[in-house]
Protein backbone atom coordinates (compact mmCIF):
# COMPACT_ATOMS: atom_id res chain seq x y z
CA MET A 1 3.50 -10.10 -3.85
CA ALA A 2 4.02 -12.88 -6.69
CA ARG A 3 7.44 -11.52 -7.51
CA ASN A 4 8.51 -11.78 -3.83
CA GLY A 5 6.52 -14.97 -3.22
CA GLU A 6 4.92 -13.53 -0.20
CA VAL A 7 1.38 -12.29 0.96
CA SER A 8 1.92 -8.95 2.48
CA HIS A 9 -0.28 -5.73 2.56
CA THR A 10 3.12 -3.58 2.47
CA VAL A 11 5.09 -5.46 -0.13
CA ALA A 12 4.33 -2.76 -2.74
CA GLY A 13 4.32 0.03 -0.18
CA ASP A 14 1.92 1.39 2.46
CA PHE A 15 -1.72 0.69 1.44
CA ARG A 16 -3.08 4.10 2.10
CA THR A 17 -0.40 5.50 -0.10
CA ARG A 18 -1.02 3.12 -2.92
CA VAL A 19 -4.83 4.05 -2.88
CA SER A 20 -4.39 7.79 -2.05
CA SER A 21 -4.92 8.89 -5.77
CA ALA A 22 -8.34 7.65 -5.74
CA HIS A 23 -9.04 9.82 -2.68
CA PRO A 24 -11.13 7.34 -0.79
CA ARG A 25 -12.68 7.94 2.58
CA LEU A 26 -12.98 4.21 3.00
CA ALA A 27 -10.67 1.73 1.70
CA GLY A 28 -9.93 -1.93 2.37
CA GLU A 29 -7.80 -4.70 0.89
CA ASN A 30 -8.07 -8.38 0.85
CA LEU A 31 -5.14 -10.57 -0.21
CA ALA A 32 -4.96 -14.22 -0.83
CA ALA A 33 -2.63 -16.74 -2.21
CA GLY A 34 -2.80 -20.52 -3.03
CA PHE A 35 -6.30 -20.45 -4.42
CA LEU A 36 -6.54 -21.15 -8.06
CA THR A 37 -10.03 -19.69 -8.66
CA CYS A 38 -11.75 -16.48 -7.86
CA SER A 39 -14.61 -18.27 -6.11
CA GLU A 40 -12.10 -20.06 -3.83
CA ALA A 41 -10.42 -16.81 -2.75
CA ILE A 42 -13.70 -15.13 -2.17
CA ARG A 43 -14.95 -18.07 -0.15
CA GLN A 44 -11.80 -17.73 1.90
CA TRP A 45 -12.43 -13.99 2.58
CA ASP A 46 -15.93 -14.62 3.42
CA ASN A 47 -14.95 -17.07 6.01
CA SER A 48 -12.48 -14.62 7.80
CA ALA A 49 -13.98 -11.95 10.02
CA GLY A 50 -11.66 -9.28 8.89
CA HIS A 51 -11.87 -9.88 5.29
CA ARG A 52 -15.72 -10.41 5.53
CA GLU A 53 -15.86 -6.88 7.00
CA ASN A 54 -14.10 -5.43 4.00
CA LEU A 55 -16.57 -7.38 1.68
CA GLN A 56 -19.49 -5.93 3.54
CA MET A 57 -18.06 -2.32 3.86
CA VAL A 58 -20.88 0.09 4.03
CA GLY A 59 -20.58 2.80 1.49
CA ALA A 60 -18.29 0.84 -0.75
CA ARG A 61 -18.93 1.65 -4.38
CA ARG A 62 -15.77 0.47 -6.12
CA VAL A 63 -14.19 -2.86 -6.24
CA GLY A 64 -11.01 -4.13 -8.08
CA VAL A 65 -9.69 -7.70 -8.09
CA ALA A 66 -6.45 -8.87 -9.52
CA ALA A 67 -4.92 -12.43 -9.90
CA VAL A 68 -1.27 -13.13 -10.90
CA SER A 69 -0.08 -16.78 -11.51
CA ARG A 70 3.29 -17.72 -10.34
CA PRO A 71 3.85 -21.45 -10.88
CA SER A 72 7.19 -21.49 -9.37
CA SER A 73 5.86 -20.37 -6.01
CA PRO A 74 4.30 -22.81 -3.55
CA TYR A 75 1.15 -20.46 -3.62
CA ARG A 76 1.02 -20.80 -7.48
CA LYS A 77 -1.62 -17.88 -7.58
CA PHE A 78 -1.84 -14.46 -5.83
CA TRP A 79 -5.09 -12.53 -5.32
CA ALA A 80 -5.74 -8.90 -4.33
CA MET A 81 -9.10 -7.08 -3.91
CA ILE A 82 -9.24 -3.34 -3.39
CA ILE A 83 -12.59 -1.97 -1.89
CA THR A 84 -13.32 1.77 -1.82
CA ASP A 85 -16.11 4.20 -1.51
C-alpha cells in the first residue's frame, strides 16, 4: 500500500490467497492510513462497524500488525492488521 500510496485490500493480491499458507478457517484484515500512532489506528477501527467486527472475531487466536512510514505520501503512515483463528 505504501509503495502505491493507496489503501487497498487487493494491492498485494487477493486477501484469501495472501493468508492461505496459515490455513485459517477465519480471517480478517483491517487497513488504515493517515494515523501516526497505533492507538489512533485502533480507535478508527473500533469506531467502524466492519473493522470492529474483525477486532471482535469469535475464535480469533492470532493477530499481526504492521506499520510503514511513507513521508512523501499524503497519508504519511500505513497500517495493516491481520486477524485469524
